[in-house]
C-alpha atoms as a PDB file:
ATOM      1  CA  MET A   1      12.684  30.628  13.939  1.00  0.00           C
ATOM      2  CA  ASP A   2      10.875  28.281  15.978  1.00  0.00           C
ATOM      3  CA  THR A   3       8.379  30.593  16.932  1.00  0.00           C
ATOM      4  CA  GLU A   4       7.679  31.582  13.639  1.00  0.00           C
ATOM      5  CA  ILE A   5       7.357  27.756  12.444  1.00  0.00           C
ATOM      6  CA  HIS A   6       4.757  27.592  15.781  1.00  0.00           C
ATOM      7  CA  THR A   7       3.206  30.249  14.310  1.00  0.00           C
ATOM      8  CA  HIS A   8       2.667  28.524  10.779  1.00  0.00           C
ATOM      9  CA  ASN A   9       1.392  25.512  12.322  1.00  0.00           C
ATOM     10  CA  LEU A  10      -0.863  27.537  14.467  1.00  0.00           C
ATOM     11  CA  ARG A  11      -2.571  29.107  11.899  1.00  0.00           C
ATOM     12  CA  ALA A  12      -2.363  25.686   9.798  1.00  0.00           C
ATOM     13  CA  ILE A  13      -4.271  23.792  12.170  1.00  0.00           C
ATOM     14  CA  GLY A  14      -6.642  26.896  12.456  1.00  0.00           C
ATOM     15  CA  LEU A  15      -7.187  26.365   8.472  1.00  0.00           C
ATOM     16  CA  ILE A  16      -7.752  22.934   8.637  1.00  0.00           C
ATOM     17  CA  LEU A  17     -10.544  23.180  11.222  1.00  0.00           C
ATOM     18  CA  LEU A  18     -12.561  25.333   8.927  1.00  0.00           C
ATOM     19  CA  GLY A  19     -11.639  23.521   5.911  1.00  0.00           C
ATOM     20  CA  ALA A  20     -13.013  20.833   7.914  1.00  0.00           C
ATOM     21  CA  LEU A  21     -16.208  22.689   8.720  1.00  0.00           C
ATOM     22  CA  LEU A  22     -16.672  24.364   5.684  1.00  0.00           C
ATOM     23  CA  LEU A  23     -16.838  21.123   4.028  1.00  0.00           C
ATOM     24  CA  SER A  24     -19.196  19.501   6.263  1.00  0.00           C
ATOM     25  CA  LEU A  25     -21.469  22.019   6.273  1.00  0.00           C
ATOM     26  CA  MET A  26     -21.554  21.838   2.344  1.00  0.00           C
ATOM     27  CA  ASP A  27     -22.606  17.717   2.975  1.00  0.00           C
ATOM     28  CA  GLY A  28     -25.316  18.807   5.499  1.00  0.00           C
ATOM     29  CA  ALA A  29     -26.458  21.305   3.105  1.00  0.00           C
ATOM     30  CA  MET A  30     -26.747  18.579   0.290  1.00  0.00           C
ATOM     31  CA  LYS A  31     -28.207  16.361   2.484  1.00  0.00           C
ATOM     32  CA  HIS A  32     -30.681  18.878   3.463  1.00  0.00           C
ATOM     33  CA  LEU A  33     -31.700  19.250  -0.309  1.00  0.00           C
ATOM     34  CA  LEU A  34     -31.858  15.564  -1.189  1.00  0.00           C
ATOM     35  CA  ASP A  35     -34.313  15.605   1.542  1.00  0.00           C
ATOM     36  CA  GLN A  36     -36.617  17.484  -0.645  1.00  0.00           C
ATOM     37  CA  GLY A  37     -36.643  14.772  -3.183  1.00  0.00           C
ATOM     38  CA  TYR A  38     -34.028  16.670  -6.024  1.00  0.00           C
ATOM     39  CA  GLY A  39     -31.442  13.468  -7.417  1.00  0.00           C
ATOM     40  CA  VAL A  40     -28.154  13.396  -6.494  1.00  0.00           C
ATOM     41  CA  MET A  41     -26.619  14.403 -10.443  1.00  0.00           C
ATOM     42  CA  GLN A  42     -29.117  17.216 -10.619  1.00  0.00           C
ATOM     43  CA  MET A  43     -27.484  18.638  -7.303  1.00  0.00           C
ATOM     44  CA  MET A  44     -24.280  17.770  -7.731  1.00  0.00           C
ATOM     45  CA  ALA A  45     -24.129  19.652 -11.512  1.00  0.00           C
ATOM     46  CA  VAL A  46     -25.525  22.625 -10.390  1.00  0.00           C
ATOM     47  CA  ARG A  47     -23.225  22.440  -7.491  1.00  0.00           C
ATOM     48  CA  GLY A  48     -20.513  22.842 -10.365  1.00  0.00           C
ATOM     49  CA  TRP A  49     -22.179  25.320 -12.202  1.00  0.00           C
ATOM     50  CA  PHE A  50     -21.564  27.697  -9.016  1.00  0.00           C
ATOM     51  CA  MET A  51     -18.320  26.468  -8.318  1.00  0.00           C
ATOM     52  CA  VAL A  52     -16.556  26.339 -11.478  1.00  0.00           C
ATOM     53  CA  PRO A  53     -17.130  29.911 -12.304  1.00  0.00           C
ATOM     54  CA  MET A  54     -15.830  30.993  -8.783  1.00  0.00           C
ATOM     55  CA  MET A  55     -12.934  29.196  -8.741  1.00  0.00           C
ATOM     56  CA  GLY A  56     -12.367  30.315 -12.101  1.00  0.00           C
ATOM     57  CA  LEU A  57     -12.778  34.150 -10.960  1.00  0.00           C
ATOM     58  CA  TRP A  58     -10.632  33.050  -8.095  1.00  0.00           C
ATOM     59  CA  ALA A  59      -7.802  32.006 -10.633  1.00  0.00           C
ATOM     60  CA  TRP A  60      -8.094  35.033 -12.340  1.00  0.00           C
ATOM     61  CA  LYS A  61      -8.026  37.500  -9.579  1.00  0.00           C
ATOM     62  CA  LYS A  62      -5.716  35.490  -7.556  1.00  0.00           C
ATOM     63  CA  MET A  63      -3.171  33.418  -9.025  1.00  0.00           C
ATOM     64  CA  PRO A  64      -0.647  34.733 -11.947  1.00  0.00           C
ATOM     65  CA  GLU A  65      -1.681  34.127 -15.493  1.00  0.00           C
ATOM     66  CA  GLY A  66      -1.642  30.337 -16.832  1.00  0.00           C
ATOM     67  CA  SER A  67      -1.483  29.207 -13.460  1.00  0.00           C
ATOM     68  CA  LEU A  68      -4.904  26.229 -14.965  1.00  0.00           C
ATOM     69  CA  LYS A  69      -2.429  25.358 -18.139  1.00  0.00           C
ATOM     70  CA  THR A  70      -1.145  21.656 -17.860  1.00  0.00           C
ATOM     71  CA  THR A  71       0.837  19.005 -19.583  1.00  0.00           C
ATOM     72  CA  ARG A  72      -1.119  16.210 -18.625  1.00  0.00           C
ATOM     73  CA  PRO A  73      -5.197  16.624 -19.452  1.00  0.00           C
ATOM     74  CA  GLY A  74      -5.383  13.176 -20.157  1.00  0.00           C
ATOM     75  CA  LEU A  75      -4.777  11.977 -16.597  1.00  0.00           C
ATOM     76  CA  HIS A  76      -6.704  14.771 -15.048  1.00  0.00           C
ATOM     77  CA  LEU A  77      -9.688  13.029 -17.054  1.00  0.00           C
ATOM     78  CA  ILE A  78      -8.450  10.164 -15.663  1.00  0.00           C
ATOM     79  CA  ARG A  79      -8.834  11.204 -12.077  1.00  0.00           C
ATOM     80  CA  ALA A  80     -11.715  13.190 -12.853  1.00  0.00           C
ATOM     81  CA  LEU A  81     -13.745  10.006 -14.271  1.00  0.00           C
ATOM     82  CA  ILE A  82     -12.642   7.341 -11.427  1.00  0.00           C
ATOM     83  CA  GLY A  83     -12.964  10.456  -8.621  1.00  0.00           C
ATOM     84  CA  PHE A  84     -16.715  11.334  -9.545  1.00  0.00           C
ATOM     85  CA  PHE A  85     -17.796   8.882  -8.187  1.00  0.00           C
ATOM     86  CA  ALA A  86     -16.774   9.145  -4.327  1.00  0.00           C
ATOM     87  CA  PRO A  87     -18.997  12.061  -4.352  1.00  0.00           C
ATOM     88  CA  LEU A  88     -22.218  10.291  -6.424  1.00  0.00           C
ATOM     89  CA  PHE A  89     -21.905   7.328  -4.245  1.00  0.00           C
ATOM     90  CA  PHE A  90     -21.403   9.865  -0.768  1.00  0.00           C
ATOM     91  CA  PHE A  91     -24.311  12.011  -1.666  1.00  0.00           C
ATOM     92  CA  THR A  92     -26.395   8.678  -2.874  1.00  0.00           C
ATOM     93  CA  ALA A  93     -25.011   7.624   0.898  1.00  0.00           C
ATOM     94  CA  LEU A  94     -26.648  10.427   2.584  1.00  0.00           C
ATOM     95  CA  ILE A  95     -30.339   9.816   1.222  1.00  0.00           C
ATOM     96  CA  THR A  96     -30.504   7.089   3.731  1.00  0.00           C
ATOM     97  CA  MET A  97     -27.475   7.196   6.366  1.00  0.00           C
ATOM     98  CA  PRO A  98     -26.902  10.121   9.138  1.00  0.00           C
ATOM     99  CA  LEU A  99     -24.066  12.296   8.362  1.00  0.00           C
ATOM    100  CA  ALA A 100     -21.558  11.283  10.780  1.00  0.00           C
ATOM    101  CA  ASP A 101     -22.273   7.593   9.989  1.00  0.00           C
ATOM    102  CA  ALA A 102     -21.287   8.339   6.202  1.00  0.00           C
ATOM    103  CA  THR A 103     -18.656  10.223   7.318  1.00  0.00           C
ATOM    104  CA  VAL A 104     -17.148   7.222   9.411  1.00  0.00           C
ATOM    105  CA  ILE A 105     -16.989   4.694   6.798  1.00  0.00           C
ATOM    106  CA  VAL A 106     -15.501   7.355   4.250  1.00  0.00           C
ATOM    107  CA  PHE A 107     -12.271   7.711   6.230  1.00  0.00           C
ATOM    108  CA  GLY A 108     -11.533   4.124   5.483  1.00  0.00           C
ATOM    109  CA  SER A 109     -10.458   5.527   2.580  1.00  0.00           C
ATOM    110  CA  THR A 110      -6.873   6.431   4.725  1.00  0.00           C
ATOM    111  CA  PHE A 111      -6.467   2.589   5.027  1.00  0.00           C
ATOM    112  CA  ILE A 112      -7.594   1.708   1.286  1.00  0.00           C
ATOM    113  CA  MET A 113      -4.502   3.699  -0.173  1.00  0.00           C
ATOM    114  CA  THR A 114      -2.298   2.293   2.603  1.00  0.00           C
ATOM    115  CA  ALA A 115      -2.774  -0.726   1.694  1.00  0.00           C
ATOM    116  CA  LEU A 116      -3.340  -0.066  -2.448  1.00  0.00           C
ATOM    117  CA  SER A 117       0.334   2.323  -1.939  1.00  0.00           C
ATOM    118  CA  VAL A 118       2.201  -1.051  -2.078  1.00  0.00           C
ATOM    119  CA  PRO A 119       1.060  -2.874  -5.803  1.00  0.00           C
ATOM    120  CA  LEU A 120       0.992   0.532  -7.418  1.00  0.00           C
ATOM    121  CA  PHE A 121       4.012   2.709  -6.085  1.00  0.00           C
ATOM    122  CA  LYS A 122       6.109  -0.340  -5.272  1.00  0.00           C
ATOM    123  CA  GLU A 123       6.356   1.224  -0.960  1.00  0.00           C
ATOM    124  CA  HIS A 124       6.994  -0.439   1.591  1.00  0.00           C
ATOM    125  CA  VAL A 125       4.588  -0.724   4.645  1.00  0.00           C
ATOM    126  CA  GLY A 126       5.992  -2.191   7.575  1.00  0.00           C
ATOM    127  CA  PRO A 127       4.426  -5.091  10.335  1.00  0.00           C
ATOM    128  CA  HIS A 128       3.279  -2.069  12.190  1.00  0.00           C
ATOM    129  CA  ARG A 129       1.306   0.096   9.454  1.00  0.00           C
ATOM    130  CA  TRP A 130      -0.311  -3.603   8.216  1.00  0.00           C
ATOM    131  CA  SER A 131      -1.810  -3.907  11.542  1.00  0.00           C
ATOM    132  CA  ALA A 132      -2.762  -0.422  11.443  1.00  0.00           C
ATOM    133  CA  VAL A 133      -4.307  -0.921   8.296  1.00  0.00           C
ATOM    134  CA  VAL A 134      -5.600  -4.015   8.956  1.00  0.00           C
ATOM    135  CA  LEU A 135      -7.869  -2.622  12.486  1.00  0.00           C
ATOM    136  CA  GLY A 136      -8.911   0.219  10.286  1.00  0.00           C
ATOM    137  CA  PHE A 137     -10.622  -1.865   8.403  1.00  0.00           C
ATOM    138  CA  VAL A 138     -11.828  -3.595  11.041  1.00  0.00           C
ATOM    139  CA  GLY A 139     -13.705  -0.337  12.642  1.00  0.00           C
ATOM    140  CA  VAL A 140     -14.895   0.755   9.218  1.00  0.00           C
ATOM    141  CA  TYR A 141     -16.701  -2.940   9.417  1.00  0.00           C
ATOM    142  CA  ILE A 142     -18.130  -2.049  12.914  1.00  0.00           C
ATOM    143  CA  ALA A 143     -19.239   1.104  11.618  1.00  0.00           C
ATOM    144  CA  THR A 144     -21.052   0.028   8.890  1.00  0.00           C
ATOM    145  CA  ASN A 145     -23.285  -2.612  11.326  1.00  0.00           C
ATOM    146  CA  PRO A 146     -22.847  -5.227   8.493  1.00  0.00           C
ATOM    147  CA  SER A 147     -26.680  -6.509   8.959  1.00  0.00           C
ATOM    148  CA  GLY A 148     -30.443  -7.032   6.727  1.00  0.00           C
ATOM    149  CA  ASP A 149     -30.434  -3.373   6.136  1.00  0.00           C
ATOM    150  CA  PHE A 150     -26.661  -3.140   5.194  1.00  0.00           C
ATOM    151  CA  PHE A 151     -27.884  -2.185   1.230  1.00  0.00           C
ATOM    152  CA  LYS A 152     -30.998  -0.899   2.509  1.00  0.00           C
ATOM    153  CA  GLY A 153     -29.574   1.562   4.661  1.00  0.00           C
ATOM    154  CA  GLY A 154     -26.599   3.014   2.147  1.00  0.00           C
ATOM    155  CA  ALA A 155     -23.384   1.899   3.913  1.00  0.00           C
ATOM    156  CA  ILE A 156     -22.446   0.307   0.923  1.00  0.00           C
ATOM    157  CA  TYR A 157     -22.659   3.586  -1.031  1.00  0.00           C
ATOM    158  CA  ALA A 158     -20.355   4.911   1.401  1.00  0.00           C
ATOM    159  CA  ILE A 159     -17.701   2.233   0.994  1.00  0.00           C
ATOM    160  CA  LEU A 160     -17.716   2.862  -2.465  1.00  0.00           C
ATOM    161  CA  ALA A 161     -17.277   6.413  -2.417  1.00  0.00           C
ATOM    162  CA  SER A 162     -14.398   5.251   0.444  1.00  0.00           C
ATOM    163  CA  LEU A 163     -13.143   3.303  -2.333  1.00  0.00           C
ATOM    164  CA  ALA A 164     -13.451   6.002  -5.660  1.00  0.00           C
ATOM    165  CA  TYR A 165     -11.809   8.578  -3.053  1.00  0.00           C
ATOM    166  CA  ALA A 166      -8.549   7.009  -2.417  1.00  0.00           C
ATOM    167  CA  LEU A 167      -8.375   5.612  -6.282  1.00  0.00           C
ATOM    168  CA  MET A 168      -8.453   9.319  -6.619  1.00  0.00           C
ATOM    169  CA  MET A 169      -5.889  10.227  -3.958  1.00  0.00           C
ATOM    170  CA  LEU A 170      -3.694   7.697  -5.325  1.00  0.00           C
ATOM    171  CA  ILE A 171      -3.722   9.152  -8.778  1.00  0.00           C
ATOM    172  CA  THR A 172      -3.127  12.536  -7.452  1.00  0.00           C
ATOM    173  CA  ARG A 173       0.116  11.359  -5.441  1.00  0.00           C
ATOM    174  CA  GLY A 174       1.206   9.505  -9.061  1.00  0.00           C
ATOM    175  CA  MET A 175       0.730  12.840 -10.612  1.00  0.00           C
ATOM    176  CA  GLY A 176       3.297  14.478  -8.319  1.00  0.00           C
ATOM    177  CA  THR A 177       3.614  18.223  -7.156  1.00  0.00           C
ATOM    178  CA  GLY A 178       3.603  19.986 -10.274  1.00  0.00           C
ATOM    179  CA  GLU A 179       0.547  19.918 -11.277  1.00  0.00           C
ATOM    180  CA  GLY A 180      -1.004  21.818  -7.969  1.00  0.00           C
ATOM    181  CA  VAL A 181      -3.685  21.125  -5.475  1.00  0.00           C
ATOM    182  CA  PHE A 182      -6.298  23.925  -6.946  1.00  0.00           C
ATOM    183  CA  LYS A 183      -5.820  23.217 -10.441  1.00  0.00           C
ATOM    184  CA  GLN A 184      -6.346  19.310  -9.784  1.00  0.00           C
ATOM    185  CA  VAL A 185      -9.417  20.717  -8.117  1.00  0.00           C
ATOM    186  CA  PHE A 186     -10.644  22.827 -11.122  1.00  0.00           C
ATOM    187  CA  TYR A 187     -10.522  20.466 -13.602  1.00  0.00           C
ATOM    188  CA  PHE A 188     -12.332  17.852 -11.286  1.00  0.00           C
ATOM    189  CA  THR A 189     -14.920  20.099 -10.816  1.00  0.00           C
ATOM    190  CA  VAL A 190     -14.787  21.026 -14.414  1.00  0.00           C
ATOM    191  CA  TRP A 191     -15.255  17.142 -15.559  1.00  0.00           C
ATOM    192  CA  ALA A 192     -17.905  16.507 -13.068  1.00  0.00           C
ATOM    193  CA  THR A 193     -20.236  19.548 -13.803  1.00  0.00           C
ATOM    194  CA  LEU A 194     -20.026  18.385 -17.593  1.00  0.00           C
ATOM    195  CA  VAL A 195     -21.129  14.926 -16.644  1.00  0.00           C
ATOM    196  CA  THR A 196     -23.772  15.500 -14.475  1.00  0.00           C
ATOM    197  CA  THR A 197     -25.192  18.045 -16.161  1.00  0.00           C
ATOM    198  CA  VAL A 198     -25.284  16.016 -19.228  1.00  0.00           C
ATOM    199  CA  LEU A 199     -26.744  12.888 -17.331  1.00  0.00           C
ATOM    200  CA  SER A 200     -28.999  14.533 -15.334  1.00  0.00           C
ATOM    201  CA  TRP A 201     -30.903  16.945 -17.856  1.00  0.00           C
ATOM    202  CA  SER A 202     -33.658  14.272 -19.078  1.00  0.00           C
ATOM    203  CA  ALA A 203     -34.800  14.558 -15.192  1.00  0.00           C
ATOM    204  CA  PHE A 204     -34.402  17.800 -14.516  1.00  0.00           C
ATOM    205  CA  ILE A 205     -36.659  19.312 -11.699  1.00  0.00           C
ATOM    206  CA  GLU A 206     -37.398  22.520 -11.117  1.00  0.00           C
ATOM    207  CA  ILE A 207     -35.489  24.214  -8.241  1.00  0.00           C
ATOM    208  CA  SER A 208     -36.886  27.140  -5.604  1.00  0.00           C
ATOM    209  CA  VAL A 209     -35.101  30.292  -5.464  1.00  0.00           C
ATOM    210  CA  GLU A 210     -34.796  29.256  -1.543  1.00  0.00           C
ATOM    211  CA  ASP A 211     -33.097  26.030  -2.641  1.00  0.00           C
ATOM    212  CA  LEU A 212     -30.904  27.973  -5.170  1.00  0.00           C
ATOM    213  CA  GLY A 213     -29.270  29.903  -2.770  1.00  0.00           C
ATOM    214  CA  TRP A 214     -28.855  26.182  -0.417  1.00  0.00           C
ATOM    215  CA  VAL A 215     -26.630  25.223  -3.698  1.00  0.00           C
ATOM    216  CA  PHE A 216     -24.568  28.491  -3.805  1.00  0.00           C
ATOM    217  CA  LEU A 217     -23.990  27.714   0.230  1.00  0.00           C
ATOM    218  CA  ILE A 218     -22.723  24.649  -0.885  1.00  0.00           C
ATOM    219  CA  GLY A 219     -20.459  26.204  -4.059  1.00  0.00           C
ATOM    220  CA  ALA A 220     -19.234  28.141  -1.755  1.00  0.00           C
ATOM    221  CA  PHE A 221     -18.428  26.024   1.585  1.00  0.00           C
ATOM    222  CA  SER A 222     -16.799  23.182  -1.096  1.00  0.00           C
ATOM    223  CA  VAL A 223     -14.231  25.903  -3.057  1.00  0.00           C
ATOM    224  CA  PHE A 224     -13.654  27.633   0.603  1.00  0.00           C
ATOM    225  CA  GLY A 225     -13.319  24.688   2.089  1.00  0.00           C
ATOM    226  CA  HIS A 226     -11.149  23.364  -0.188  1.00  0.00           C
ATOM    227  CA  LEU A 227      -8.944  26.065  -0.654  1.00  0.00           C
ATOM    228  CA  CYS A 228      -8.254  25.744   3.155  1.00  0.00           C
ATOM    229  CA  LEU A 229      -7.188  22.123   3.191  1.00  0.00           C
ATOM    230  CA  ALA A 230      -5.040  22.957   0.520  1.00  0.00           C
ATOM    231  CA  ARG A 231      -3.292  26.515   2.424  1.00  0.00           C
ATOM    232  CA  ALA A 232      -2.864  24.192   5.530  1.00  0.00           C
ATOM    233  CA  TYR A 233      -0.795  21.512   4.094  1.00  0.00           C
ATOM    234  CA  SER A 234       1.377  24.254   2.173  1.00  0.00           C
ATOM    235  CA  MET A 235       2.114  25.930   5.074  1.00  0.00           C
ATOM    236  CA  ALA A 236       2.954  22.982   8.077  1.00  0.00           C
ATOM    237  CA  SER A 237       3.835  18.986   7.680  1.00  0.00           C
ATOM    238  CA  VAL A 238       1.342  16.558   6.690  1.00  0.00           C
ATOM    239  CA  GLY A 239       1.732  14.951  10.715  1.00  0.00           C
ATOM    240  CA  VAL A 240       1.146  18.390  12.098  1.00  0.00           C
ATOM    241  CA  VAL A 241      -2.333  19.162  10.122  1.00  0.00           C
ATOM    242  CA  ALA A 242      -4.003  15.712   8.818  1.00  0.00           C
ATOM    243  CA  PRO A 243      -4.653  14.591  12.561  1.00  0.00           C
ATOM    244  CA  PHE A 244      -7.241  17.720  13.158  1.00  0.00           C
ATOM    245  CA  GLU A 245      -8.610  16.414   9.536  1.00  0.00           C
ATOM    246  CA  TYR A 246     -10.299  14.169  12.021  1.00  0.00           C
ATOM    247  CA  SER A 247     -12.856  16.827  13.478  1.00  0.00           C
ATOM    248  CA  LEU A 248     -14.964  16.448  10.091  1.00  0.00           C
ATOM    249  CA  LEU A 249     -16.277  13.641  12.126  1.00  0.00           C
ATOM    250  CA  VAL A 250     -17.098  15.944  14.633  1.00  0.00           C
ATOM    251  CA  TRP A 251     -18.496  18.594  12.844  1.00  0.00           C
ATOM    252  CA  ALA A 252     -21.067  15.945  10.990  1.00  0.00           C
ATOM    253  CA  THR A 253     -22.043  14.801  14.289  1.00  0.00           C
ATOM    254  CA  LEU A 254     -22.723  18.057  15.846  1.00  0.00           C
ATOM    255  CA  ILE A 255     -24.655  18.770  12.260  1.00  0.00           C
ATOM    256  CA  GLY A 256     -26.772  15.794  12.142  1.00  0.00           C
ATOM    257  CA  PHE A 257     -27.591  16.461  15.888  1.00  0.00           C
ATOM    258  CA  VAL A 258     -29.077  19.652  15.449  1.00  0.00           C
ATOM    259  CA  VAL A 259     -30.534  19.458  12.416  1.00  0.00           C
ATOM    260  CA  TRP A 260     -32.341  15.774  11.743  1.00  0.00           C
ATOM    261  CA  GLY A 261     -31.755  14.876  15.913  1.00  0.00           C
ATOM    262  CA  HIS A 262     -29.267  11.915  14.628  1.00  0.00           C
ATOM    263  CA  ILE A 263     -27.265  10.569  17.722  1.00  0.00           C
ATOM    264  CA  PRO A 264     -24.409   7.639  16.586  1.00  0.00           C
ATOM    265  CA  GLY A 265     -25.120   4.392  17.513  1.00  0.00           C
ATOM    266  CA  LEU A 266     -22.729   2.359  19.808  1.00  0.00           C
ATOM    267  CA  GLN A 267     -21.435   0.552  16.609  1.00  0.00           C
ATOM    268  CA  VAL A 268     -20.985   3.814  14.530  1.00  0.00           C
ATOM    269  CA  ILE A 269     -18.581   5.047  17.855  1.00  0.00           C
ATOM    270  CA  ILE A 270     -16.576   2.516  18.304  1.00  0.00           C
ATOM    271  CA  GLY A 271     -15.583   2.170  15.003  1.00  0.00           C
ATOM    272  CA  ALA A 272     -14.881   5.150  14.459  1.00  0.00           C
ATOM    273  CA  THR A 273     -12.208   5.205  17.797  1.00  0.00           C
ATOM    274  CA  ILE A 274     -10.915   2.557  16.205  1.00  0.00           C
ATOM    275  CA  ILE A 275     -10.556   4.688  12.773  1.00  0.00           C
ATOM    276  CA  VAL A 276      -9.208   7.693  14.250  1.00  0.00           C
ATOM    277  CA  ALA A 277      -6.526   6.088  16.305  1.00  0.00           C
ATOM    278  CA  SER A 278      -5.416   3.281  13.088  1.00  0.00           C
ATOM    279  CA  GLY A 279      -4.930   6.675  11.109  1.00  0.00           C
ATOM    280  CA  LEU A 280      -3.312   8.775  13.745  1.00  0.00           C
ATOM    281  CA  TYR A 281      -1.354   5.672  14.137  1.00  0.00           C
ATOM    282  CA  LEU A 282      -0.269   5.325  10.219  1.00  0.00           C
ATOM    283  CA  LEU A 283       0.462   9.244  10.561  1.00  0.00           C
ATOM    284  CA  HIS A 284       3.278   8.712  13.346  1.00  0.00           C
ATOM    285  CA  ARG A 285       4.877   6.061  11.932  1.00  0.00           C
ATOM    286  CA  GLU A 286       4.792   7.895   8.136  1.00  0.00           C
ATOM    287  CA  HIS A 287       6.104  11.021  10.781  1.00  0.00           C
ATOM    288  CA  ARG A 288       9.230   8.383  12.219  1.00  0.00           C
ATOM    289  CA  LEU A 289       9.820   6.812   8.972  1.00  0.00           C
ATOM    290  CA  LYS A 290      10.884   9.971   7.363  1.00  0.00           C
ATOM    291  CA  HIS A 291      12.466  11.236  10.253  1.00  0.00           C
ATOM    292  CA  SER A 292      14.692   8.085  10.064  1.00  0.00           C
ATOM    293  CA  SER A 293      15.358   8.367   6.453  1.00  0.00           C
ATOM    294  CA  LYS A 294      16.633  11.685   6.632  1.00  0.00           C
ATOM    295  CA  ALA A 295      18.575  10.990   9.182  1.00  0.00           C
ATOM    296  CA  HIS A 296      20.643   8.571   7.235  1.00  0.00           C
END
């Protein structure tokens, strides 16, 4: 039994690392296209044109009939409307920010979620976790390097992306397990694609065949990246796999260095270290509290 659990844990860790790599590649490819002068809305729309059919085909081939049916379309719409701003602001930040810097700041969503879980879900957050939340925000503050170029540098957009993502994930938690991860990602992608298609249509720029290939890759990276993450969390406990999501920072740094020659500054490195340490401590406390409640 222990050997089986160990095997599942190793597979889950492998999937989370692969998923983080694929999503980092997606972000890197998107930054490449934005550097070519395409608009964020247009790229989100065209990405969706590839993603929706891919996900629909996956559901048709791999999932039981009726898997995409939902009894909560309104909540899916609210989740999509709020979550829509997460990629919008993040990709906008990438226009002027290095990939690693923007990724570090977005990890602040962990601390926003923990803080907001108190008024929204009446969850008890003790002094240990509050300390981790405060330290996490300090890490984000350091990483943003607030100075005269704060708004020009795109950090404000990365912070707004972090807030939007945190709110979207809190709605996800409120929906419970009945809706399923794939269904939530699918409906979010459908709504986001419709909205961005309408909003970007009047300012649409002709896309070259080569760049369409990049968009296809972005769609594939996104779909399979999210599927890897969802599968990893279904195979092992959050405490086992969640720490490895921070590999996104490693992948983003490597991609930024190889493609653009970006090397994170000292403030970003210090901020990232504080964010990761605080996030891991939050996970540690969650794990201990769950085991303590089960023991009682």
